[in-house]
Amino acid sequence: MASIVLWARRGRDGVPQDGIALLYAKAQASLVLVLLFAQVVQVVAVELMMATSGAPTGLRTVVMAADLYSLVFGLGLGAACVTRPHVVTAAEVRLRYGAYFDVRIPRELIASVRMRRDYPSGVVTVEDDRLIVAVSSQANLVLGLRSS
């Protein structure tokens, strides 16, 4: 819910004055919009089916509340990705995926940066001692780390 309010105010969470926000929400915007549209269609279709089948009002109210909650949850997912970008500062690189994942990597631990397109199986995965944060089913930047 906080992400929806922050999105309505056009704000960003955790981006300091000296930080550079690296936006990633556009890569998945079409998927989120399709998801939200499907949820709206579901709300209307289920309500129509329940109304025409003579379902009790109490049941219809509970199902409508659950459907509307799922719609708000989908909107919150999209808003969280917009308002919580990756951030690069002089001290750290902060990798995020909405409100669900947030890791800070001190800049002195970064040995190399290179571009490489990768198609991992999940949003946040660990493979072969690598942390992968995927947006729209792909990752495109590799940070090589020094051992501490």
C-alpha atoms as a PDB file:
ATOM      1  CA  MET A   1       0.000   0.000   0.000  1.00  0.00           C
ATOM      2  CA  ALA A   2       2.902   2.338   0.750  1.00  0.00           C
ATOM      3  CA  SER A   3       4.181   1.832  -2.796  1.00  0.00           C
ATOM      4  CA  ILE A   4       0.825   2.857  -4.269  1.00  0.00           C
ATOM      5  CA  VAL A   5       0.829   6.067  -2.202  1.00  0.00           C
ATOM      6  CA  LEU A   6       4.460   6.775  -3.122  1.00  0.00           C
ATOM      7  CA  TRP A   7       3.703   6.103  -6.808  1.00  0.00           C
ATOM      8  CA  ALA A   8       0.717   8.496  -6.721  1.00  0.00           C
ATOM      9  CA  ARG A   9       3.044  11.166  -5.307  1.00  0.00           C
ATOM     10  CA  ARG A  10       5.648  10.354  -8.001  1.00  0.00           C
ATOM     11  CA  GLY A  11       8.218   9.591  -5.327  1.00  0.00           C
ATOM     12  CA  ARG A  12      11.142   7.177  -5.119  1.00  0.00           C
ATOM     13  CA  ASP A  13      12.128   5.166  -2.064  1.00  0.00           C
ATOM     14  CA  GLY A  14      15.770   4.966  -1.023  1.00  0.00           C
ATOM     15  CA  VAL A  15      17.327   7.196  -3.701  1.00  0.00           C
ATOM     16  CA  PRO A  16      19.641   9.718  -1.992  1.00  0.00           C
ATOM     17  CA  GLN A  17      20.633  13.079  -3.500  1.00  0.00           C
ATOM     18  CA  ASP A  18      23.989  11.727  -4.693  1.00  0.00           C
ATOM     19  CA  GLY A  19      22.474   8.472  -5.954  1.00  0.00           C
ATOM     20  CA  ILE A  20      21.644   7.424  -9.493  1.00  0.00           C
ATOM     21  CA  ALA A  21      18.352   5.573  -9.915  1.00  0.00           C
ATOM     22  CA  LEU A  22      18.447   2.741 -12.445  1.00  0.00           C
ATOM     23  CA  LEU A  23      14.853   2.151 -13.473  1.00  0.00           C
ATOM     24  CA  TYR A  24      13.679  -1.313 -14.472  1.00  0.00           C
ATOM     25  CA  ALA A  25       9.872  -1.129 -14.284  1.00  0.00           C
ATOM     26  CA  LYS A  26       9.383  -0.282 -17.979  1.00  0.00           C
ATOM     27  CA  ALA A  27      10.710  -3.708 -18.959  1.00  0.00           C
ATOM     28  CA  GLN A  28       7.763  -5.366 -17.260  1.00  0.00           C
ATOM     29  CA  ALA A  29       5.102  -2.656 -17.588  1.00  0.00           C
ATOM     30  CA  SER A  30       3.186  -4.415 -20.360  1.00  0.00           C
ATOM     31  CA  LEU A  31       3.040  -7.649 -18.348  1.00  0.00           C
ATOM     32  CA  VAL A  32       1.762  -5.826 -15.254  1.00  0.00           C
ATOM     33  CA  LEU A  33      -0.879  -3.990 -17.327  1.00  0.00           C
ATOM     34  CA  VAL A  34      -2.079  -7.265 -18.875  1.00  0.00           C
ATOM     35  CA  LEU A  35      -2.228  -8.829 -15.404  1.00  0.00           C
ATOM     36  CA  LEU A  36      -4.265  -5.915 -14.044  1.00  0.00           C
ATOM     37  CA  PHE A  37      -6.630  -6.023 -17.042  1.00  0.00           C
ATOM     38  CA  ALA A  38      -7.156  -9.775 -16.546  1.00  0.00           C
ATOM     39  CA  GLN A  39      -7.905  -9.200 -12.881  1.00  0.00           C
ATOM     40  CA  VAL A  40     -10.525  -6.549 -13.711  1.00  0.00           C
ATOM     41  CA  VAL A  41     -12.151  -8.921 -16.227  1.00  0.00           C
ATOM     42  CA  GLN A  42     -12.149 -11.653 -13.580  1.00  0.00           C
ATOM     43  CA  VAL A  43     -13.826  -9.407 -10.992  1.00  0.00           C
ATOM     44  CA  VAL A  44     -16.600  -8.502 -13.426  1.00  0.00           C
ATOM     45  CA  ALA A  45     -17.049 -12.041 -14.792  1.00  0.00           C
ATOM     46  CA  VAL A  46     -17.177 -13.727 -11.381  1.00  0.00           C
ATOM     47  CA  GLU A  47     -19.649 -11.152 -10.071  1.00  0.00           C
ATOM     48  CA  LEU A  48     -21.897 -11.614 -13.109  1.00  0.00           C
ATOM     49  CA  MET A  49     -21.769 -15.413 -12.807  1.00  0.00           C
ATOM     50  CA  MET A  50     -22.538 -15.318  -9.117  1.00  0.00           C
ATOM     51  CA  ALA A  51     -25.366 -12.785  -9.544  1.00  0.00           C
ATOM     52  CA  THR A  52     -27.060 -14.764 -12.316  1.00  0.00           C
ATOM     53  CA  SER A  53     -26.716 -18.079 -10.464  1.00  0.00           C
ATOM     54  CA  GLY A  54     -28.441 -16.710  -7.371  1.00  0.00           C
ATOM     55  CA  ALA A  55     -25.448 -16.944  -5.032  1.00  0.00           C
ATOM     56  CA  PRO A  56     -26.102 -15.566  -1.541  1.00  0.00           C
ATOM     57  CA  THR A  57     -25.146 -11.941  -0.955  1.00  0.00           C
ATOM     58  CA  GLY A  58     -22.701 -12.840   1.842  1.00  0.00           C
ATOM     59  CA  LEU A  59     -20.754 -15.186  -0.458  1.00  0.00           C
ATOM     60  CA  ARG A  60     -20.728 -12.614  -3.251  1.00  0.00           C
ATOM     61  CA  THR A  61     -19.394  -9.992  -0.835  1.00  0.00           C
ATOM     62  CA  VAL A  62     -16.564 -12.235   0.376  1.00  0.00           C
ATOM     63  CA  VAL A  63     -15.568 -13.190  -3.185  1.00  0.00           C
ATOM     64  CA  MET A  64     -15.719  -9.540  -4.314  1.00  0.00           C
ATOM     65  CA  ALA A  65     -13.512  -8.484  -1.388  1.00  0.00           C
ATOM     66  CA  ALA A  66     -10.950 -11.179  -2.269  1.00  0.00           C
ATOM     67  CA  ASP A  67     -11.009 -10.180  -5.947  1.00  0.00           C
ATOM     68  CA  LEU A  68     -10.566  -6.496  -5.159  1.00  0.00           C
ATOM     69  CA  TYR A  69      -7.717  -7.321  -2.774  1.00  0.00           C
ATOM     70  CA  SER A  70      -5.942  -9.250  -5.549  1.00  0.00           C
ATOM     71  CA  LEU A  71      -6.396  -6.252  -7.844  1.00  0.00           C
ATOM     72  CA  VAL A  72      -4.853  -3.905  -5.257  1.00  0.00           C
ATOM     73  CA  PHE A  73      -2.033  -6.423  -4.702  1.00  0.00           C
ATOM     74  CA  GLY A  74      -1.249  -6.446  -8.464  1.00  0.00           C
ATOM     75  CA  LEU A  75      -1.284  -2.658  -8.551  1.00  0.00           C
ATOM     76  CA  GLY A  76       1.024  -2.610  -5.523  1.00  0.00           C
ATOM     77  CA  LEU A  77       3.472  -4.962  -7.270  1.00  0.00           C
ATOM     78  CA  GLY A  78       3.721  -2.615 -10.248  1.00  0.00           C
ATOM     79  CA  ALA A  79       3.967   0.454  -8.014  1.00  0.00           C
ATOM     80  CA  ALA A  80       6.724  -1.132  -5.901  1.00  0.00           C
ATOM     81  CA  CYS A  81       8.864  -1.768  -8.985  1.00  0.00           C
ATOM     82  CA  VAL A  82       8.397   1.830 -10.157  1.00  0.00           C
ATOM     83  CA  THR A  83       9.124   3.441  -6.792  1.00  0.00           C
ATOM     84  CA  ARG A  84      12.039   1.211  -5.754  1.00  0.00           C
ATOM     85  CA  PRO A  85      14.670   1.275  -8.528  1.00  0.00           C
ATOM     86  CA  HIS A  86      18.216  -0.056  -8.359  1.00  0.00           C
ATOM     87  CA  VAL A  87      20.500   2.656  -6.926  1.00  0.00           C
ATOM     88  CA  VAL A  88      24.185   3.436  -7.457  1.00  0.00           C
ATOM     89  CA  THR A  89      25.982   5.767  -5.039  1.00  0.00           C
ATOM     90  CA  ALA A  90      29.613   6.471  -4.282  1.00  0.00           C
ATOM     91  CA  ALA A  91      29.435   3.987  -1.401  1.00  0.00           C
ATOM     92  CA  GLU A  92      27.282   1.132  -2.714  1.00  0.00           C
ATOM     93  CA  VAL A  93      25.196  -0.523  -5.389  1.00  0.00           C
ATOM     94  CA  ARG A  94      21.692  -1.375  -4.248  1.00  0.00           C
ATOM     95  CA  LEU A  95      19.890  -4.089  -6.207  1.00  0.00           C
ATOM     96  CA  ARG A  96      16.151  -4.342  -5.701  1.00  0.00           C
ATOM     97  CA  TYR A  97      13.021  -5.971  -7.020  1.00  0.00           C
ATOM     98  CA  GLY A  98      10.104  -3.923  -5.810  1.00  0.00           C
ATOM     99  CA  ALA A  99       9.468  -4.268  -2.089  1.00  0.00           C
ATOM    100  CA  TYR A 100      10.366  -7.968  -2.204  1.00  0.00           C
ATOM    101  CA  PHE A 101      14.146  -7.943  -2.589  1.00  0.00           C
ATOM    102  CA  ASP A 102      16.801  -5.443  -1.519  1.00  0.00           C
ATOM    103  CA  VAL A 103      20.556  -6.086  -1.266  1.00  0.00           C
ATOM    104  CA  ARG A 104      23.335  -3.537  -0.784  1.00  0.00           C
ATOM    105  CA  ILE A 105      26.795  -4.232  -2.206  1.00  0.00           C
ATOM    106  CA  PRO A 106      29.641  -1.974  -1.011  1.00  0.00           C
ATOM    107  CA  ARG A 107      31.510  -0.467  -3.984  1.00  0.00           C
ATOM    108  CA  GLU A 108      34.892  -1.631  -2.661  1.00  0.00           C
ATOM    109  CA  LEU A 109      33.719  -5.253  -3.063  1.00  0.00           C
ATOM    110  CA  ILE A 110      32.957  -4.797  -6.775  1.00  0.00           C
ATOM    111  CA  ALA A 111      35.890  -5.994  -8.883  1.00  0.00           C
ATOM    112  CA  SER A 112      34.325  -5.735 -12.344  1.00  0.00           C
ATOM    113  CA  VAL A 113      31.166  -4.784 -14.204  1.00  0.00           C
ATOM    114  CA  ARG A 114      30.206  -6.237 -17.562  1.00  0.00           C
ATOM    115  CA  MET A 115      27.121  -6.550 -19.686  1.00  0.00           C
ATOM    116  CA  ARG A 116      25.820 -10.024 -20.435  1.00  0.00           C
ATOM    117  CA  ARG A 117      22.278 -11.073 -21.235  1.00  0.00           C
ATOM    118  CA  ASP A 118      21.073 -13.956 -19.079  1.00  0.00           C
ATOM    119  CA  TYR A 119      17.683 -15.693 -18.905  1.00  0.00           C
ATOM    120  CA  PRO A 120      17.372 -17.155 -15.401  1.00  0.00           C
ATOM    121  CA  SER A 121      14.547 -19.399 -14.244  1.00  0.00           C
ATOM    122  CA  GLY A 122      13.264 -17.103 -11.475  1.00  0.00           C
ATOM    123  CA  VAL A 123      13.155 -13.511 -10.316  1.00  0.00           C
ATOM    124  CA  VAL A 124      15.852 -13.839  -7.634  1.00  0.00           C
ATOM    125  CA  THR A 125      18.057 -16.931  -7.917  1.00  0.00           C
ATOM    126  CA  VAL A 126      21.482 -18.144  -6.899  1.00  0.00           C
ATOM    127  CA  GLU A 127      23.314 -20.250  -9.509  1.00  0.00           C
ATOM    128  CA  ASP A 128      26.965 -21.276  -9.461  1.00  0.00           C
ATOM    129  CA  ASP A 129      27.830 -18.790  -6.706  1.00  0.00           C
ATOM    130  CA  ARG A 130      26.068 -15.985  -8.600  1.00  0.00           C
ATOM    131  CA  LEU A 131      23.144 -13.894  -7.397  1.00  0.00           C
ATOM    132  CA  ILE A 132      20.775 -13.149 -10.291  1.00  0.00           C
ATOM    133  CA  VAL A 133      18.029 -10.524 -10.130  1.00  0.00           C
ATOM    134  CA  ALA A 134      15.835 -10.817 -13.219  1.00  0.00           C
ATOM    135  CA  VAL A 135      13.332  -8.308 -14.536  1.00  0.00           C
ATOM    136  CA  SER A 136      10.964  -9.478 -17.241  1.00  0.00           C
ATOM    137  CA  SER A 137      12.753 -12.864 -17.241  1.00  0.00           C
ATOM    138  CA  GLN A 138      16.183 -11.469 -18.037  1.00  0.00           C
ATOM    139  CA  ALA A 139      19.274 -10.027 -16.387  1.00  0.00           C
ATOM    140  CA  ASN A 140      21.806  -7.961 -18.318  1.00  0.00           C
ATOM    141  CA  LEU A 141      24.554  -6.863 -15.948  1.00  0.00           C
ATOM    142  CA  VAL A 142      27.173  -8.916 -14.114  1.00  0.00           C
ATOM    143  CA  LEU A 143      28.980  -7.535 -11.083  1.00  0.00           C
ATOM    144  CA  GLY A 144      32.176  -9.405 -10.275  1.00  0.00           C
ATOM    145  CA  LEU A 145      32.899  -9.344  -6.555  1.00  0.00           C
ATOM    146  CA  ARG A 146      36.142  -9.491  -4.587  1.00  0.00           C
ATOM    147  CA  SER A 147      36.277 -11.958  -1.749  1.00  0.00           C
ATOM    148  CA  SER A 148      36.222 -10.238   1.616  1.00  0.00           C
END
